[in-house]
Amino acid sequence: MFFQRKKSPPPVRIKPHVVPAFMLHEAASALPSEQLCNAIYTAIADKPDVKSEHLEKLANRLGRLAHERGRT
């Protein structure tokens, strides 16, 4: 009797930001709100290769999030 080999599923492709985002999320869960915000700001401010357009996009996203959180 021969065994039929199952076809293996295609490899899962994970976007490059998912793993670091998960790691940051795990670390962030241990910090109170103000300390988390200060730590994130310091990390971004101390990294000179962060582009201004990325900072602007992040600022807009954070502004929208703050507005949504303020409504509830």
N, C-alpha and C. Protein backbone atom coordinates (compact mmCIF):
# COMPACT_ATOMS: atom_id res chain seq x y z
N MET A 1 0.85 -1.17 0.00
CA MET A 1 0.00 0.00 0.00
C MET A 1 0.89 1.24 0.00
N PHE A 2 0.53 2.17 -0.82
CA PHE A 2 1.29 3.40 -0.95
C PHE A 2 0.60 4.52 -0.18
N PHE A 3 1.40 5.34 0.38
CA PHE A 3 0.87 6.50 1.09
C PHE A 3 0.89 7.69 0.15
N GLN A 4 -0.20 8.43 0.20
CA GLN A 4 -0.25 9.63 -0.62
C GLN A 4 0.31 10.80 0.18
N ARG A 5 1.16 11.51 -0.44
CA ARG A 5 1.77 12.66 0.21
C ARG A 5 0.84 13.85 0.11
N LYS A 6 0.59 14.50 1.23
CA LYS A 6 -0.25 15.70 1.22
C LYS A 6 0.56 16.86 0.68
N LYS A 7 -0.13 17.68 -0.08
CA LYS A 7 0.54 18.88 -0.57
C LYS A 7 0.70 19.84 0.60
N SER A 8 1.89 20.38 0.72
CA SER A 8 2.12 21.34 1.80
C SER A 8 1.54 22.69 1.39
N PRO A 9 1.01 23.41 2.37
CA PRO A 9 0.44 24.72 2.05
C PRO A 9 1.55 25.68 1.65
N PRO A 10 1.21 26.68 0.88
CA PRO A 10 2.24 27.66 0.49
C PRO A 10 2.76 28.36 1.73
N PRO A 11 4.01 28.78 1.71
CA PRO A 11 4.57 29.45 2.89
C PRO A 11 3.82 30.75 3.18
N VAL A 12 3.67 31.02 4.45
CA VAL A 12 2.99 32.24 4.87
C VAL A 12 3.98 33.40 4.79
N ARG A 13 3.57 34.44 4.16
CA ARG A 13 4.43 35.62 4.05
C ARG A 13 3.95 36.65 5.07
N ILE A 14 4.85 37.03 5.93
CA ILE A 14 4.54 38.02 6.95
C ILE A 14 5.18 39.34 6.55
N LYS A 15 4.39 40.39 6.62
CA LYS A 15 4.92 41.72 6.28
C LYS A 15 6.06 42.06 7.24
N PRO A 16 7.06 42.79 6.77
CA PRO A 16 8.26 43.02 7.58
C PRO A 16 8.02 43.74 8.90
N HIS A 17 6.94 44.50 9.02
CA HIS A 17 6.72 45.24 10.25
C HIS A 17 5.97 44.45 11.32
N VAL A 18 5.43 43.29 10.97
CA VAL A 18 4.57 42.56 11.91
C VAL A 18 5.34 42.03 13.12
N VAL A 19 6.46 41.38 12.90
CA VAL A 19 7.22 40.80 14.02
C VAL A 19 7.75 41.90 14.95
N PRO A 20 8.40 42.96 14.43
CA PRO A 20 8.83 44.02 15.35
C PRO A 20 7.65 44.69 16.06
N ALA A 21 6.53 44.83 15.38
CA ALA A 21 5.36 45.45 16.01
C ALA A 21 4.86 44.57 17.15
N PHE A 22 4.86 43.27 16.96
CA PHE A 22 4.44 42.35 18.02
C PHE A 22 5.39 42.45 19.21
N MET A 23 6.69 42.52 18.93
CA MET A 23 7.68 42.63 20.00
C MET A 23 7.49 43.94 20.78
N LEU A 24 7.26 45.04 20.06
CA LEU A 24 7.01 46.31 20.73
C LEU A 24 5.73 46.28 21.54
N HIS A 25 4.72 45.64 21.00
CA HIS A 25 3.44 45.53 21.69
C HIS A 25 3.60 44.78 23.01
N GLU A 26 4.35 43.69 22.98
CA GLU A 26 4.60 42.92 24.19
C GLU A 26 5.35 43.76 25.23
N ALA A 27 6.36 44.49 24.80
CA ALA A 27 7.13 45.33 25.72
C ALA A 27 6.28 46.50 26.23
N ALA A 28 5.47 47.07 25.36
CA ALA A 28 4.65 48.23 25.73
C ALA A 28 3.59 47.88 26.76
N SER A 29 3.14 46.65 26.77
CA SER A 29 2.07 46.27 27.69
C SER A 29 2.53 46.35 29.15
N ALA A 30 3.83 46.36 29.38
CA ALA A 30 4.35 46.43 30.75
C ALA A 30 4.47 47.86 31.27
N LEU A 31 4.32 48.85 30.40
CA LEU A 31 4.53 50.24 30.80
C LEU A 31 3.22 50.98 30.99
N PRO A 32 3.19 51.89 31.97
CA PRO A 32 2.04 52.79 32.07
C PRO A 32 2.01 53.74 30.87
N SER A 33 0.88 54.35 30.63
CA SER A 33 0.64 55.16 29.45
C SER A 33 1.69 56.25 29.23
N GLU A 34 1.94 57.06 30.24
CA GLU A 34 2.86 58.19 30.06
C GLU A 34 4.29 57.71 29.82
N GLN A 35 4.71 56.69 30.53
CA GLN A 35 6.06 56.16 30.32
C GLN A 35 6.21 55.58 28.92
N LEU A 36 5.17 54.90 28.44
CA LEU A 36 5.21 54.34 27.09
C LEU A 36 5.36 55.45 26.05
N CYS A 37 4.56 56.50 26.17
CA CYS A 37 4.64 57.60 25.21
C CYS A 37 6.00 58.27 25.26
N ASN A 38 6.55 58.47 26.45
CA ASN A 38 7.88 59.07 26.57
C ASN A 38 8.96 58.17 25.97
N ALA A 39 8.86 56.88 26.21
CA ALA A 39 9.85 55.95 25.67
C ALA A 39 9.81 55.90 24.15
N ILE A 40 8.61 55.90 23.59
CA ILE A 40 8.48 55.87 22.13
C ILE A 40 9.02 57.16 21.53
N TYR A 41 8.68 58.30 22.13
CA TYR A 41 9.19 59.57 21.62
C TYR A 41 10.71 59.60 21.65
N THR A 42 11.30 59.17 22.77
CA THR A 42 12.75 59.18 22.91
C THR A 42 13.40 58.27 21.88
N ALA A 43 12.82 57.09 21.69
CA ALA A 43 13.38 56.15 20.71
C ALA A 43 13.36 56.74 19.30
N ILE A 44 12.27 57.40 18.96
CA ILE A 44 12.16 58.00 17.62
C ILE A 44 13.08 59.21 17.49
N ALA A 45 13.10 60.06 18.52
CA ALA A 45 13.92 61.28 18.47
C ALA A 45 15.41 60.96 18.41
N ASP A 46 15.82 59.88 19.03
CA ASP A 46 17.24 59.51 19.05
C ASP A 46 17.69 58.75 17.82
N LYS A 47 16.78 58.47 16.92
CA LYS A 47 17.11 57.72 15.70
C LYS A 47 17.16 58.70 14.54
N PRO A 48 18.36 59.12 14.14
CA PRO A 48 18.48 60.20 13.14
C PRO A 48 18.05 59.81 11.72
N ASP A 49 17.93 58.54 11.43
CA ASP A 49 17.58 58.15 10.06
C ASP A 49 16.07 58.04 9.83
N VAL A 50 15.26 58.42 10.82
CA VAL A 50 13.81 58.43 10.63
C VAL A 50 13.47 59.62 9.74
N LYS A 51 12.79 59.35 8.64
CA LYS A 51 12.47 60.40 7.66
C LYS A 51 11.32 61.27 8.13
N SER A 52 11.38 62.52 7.75
CA SER A 52 10.36 63.48 8.18
C SER A 52 8.98 63.10 7.66
N GLU A 53 8.90 62.54 6.46
CA GLU A 53 7.57 62.16 5.95
C GLU A 53 6.97 61.01 6.76
N HIS A 54 7.82 60.13 7.28
CA HIS A 54 7.31 59.05 8.14
C HIS A 54 6.84 59.60 9.48
N LEU A 55 7.59 60.58 9.99
CA LEU A 55 7.17 61.23 11.24
C LEU A 55 5.84 61.96 11.06
N GLU A 56 5.68 62.63 9.94
CA GLU A 56 4.42 63.35 9.66
C GLU A 56 3.25 62.38 9.57
N LYS A 57 3.45 61.27 8.89
CA LYS A 57 2.39 60.25 8.77
C LYS A 57 2.04 59.69 10.15
N LEU A 58 3.06 59.40 10.95
CA LEU A 58 2.82 58.90 12.31
C LEU A 58 2.10 59.94 13.16
N ALA A 59 2.50 61.19 13.04
CA ALA A 59 1.85 62.26 13.81
C ALA A 59 0.36 62.35 13.45
N ASN A 60 0.04 62.24 12.18
CA ASN A 60 -1.36 62.28 11.76
C ASN A 60 -2.14 61.09 12.32
N ARG A 61 -1.54 59.92 12.26
CA ARG A 61 -2.21 58.73 12.78
C ARG A 61 -2.41 58.83 14.29
N LEU A 62 -1.40 59.33 15.00
CA LEU A 62 -1.53 59.49 16.45
C LEU A 62 -2.58 60.54 16.80
N GLY A 63 -2.65 61.62 15.99
CA GLY A 63 -3.66 62.64 16.21
C GLY A 63 -5.07 62.08 16.06
N ARG A 64 -5.28 61.28 15.05
CA ARG A 64 -6.59 60.66 14.85
C ARG A 64 -6.92 59.71 16.00
N LEU A 65 -5.92 58.93 16.44
CA LEU A 65 -6.13 58.01 17.55
C LEU A 65 -6.47 58.76 18.83
N ALA A 66 -5.75 59.85 19.09
CA ALA A 66 -6.02 60.66 20.29
C ALA A 66 -7.43 61.24 20.23
N HIS A 67 -7.84 61.69 19.06
CA HIS A 67 -9.19 62.23 18.91
C HIS A 67 -10.24 61.16 19.18
N GLU A 68 -10.03 59.96 18.64
CA GLU A 68 -10.99 58.87 18.87
C GLU A 68 -11.05 58.49 20.34
N ARG A 69 -9.89 58.41 20.98
CA ARG A 69 -9.85 58.04 22.40
C ARG A 69 -10.50 59.12 23.26
N GLY A 70 -10.35 60.38 22.84
CA GLY A 70 -10.95 61.48 23.59
C GLY A 70 -12.46 61.52 23.50
N ARG A 71 -13.01 60.94 22.45
CA ARG A 71 -14.47 60.95 22.26
C ARG A 71 -15.15 59.94 23.16
N THR A 72 -14.44 58.93 23.60
CA THR A 72 -15.10 57.88 24.40
C THR A 72 -14.93 58.08 25.88
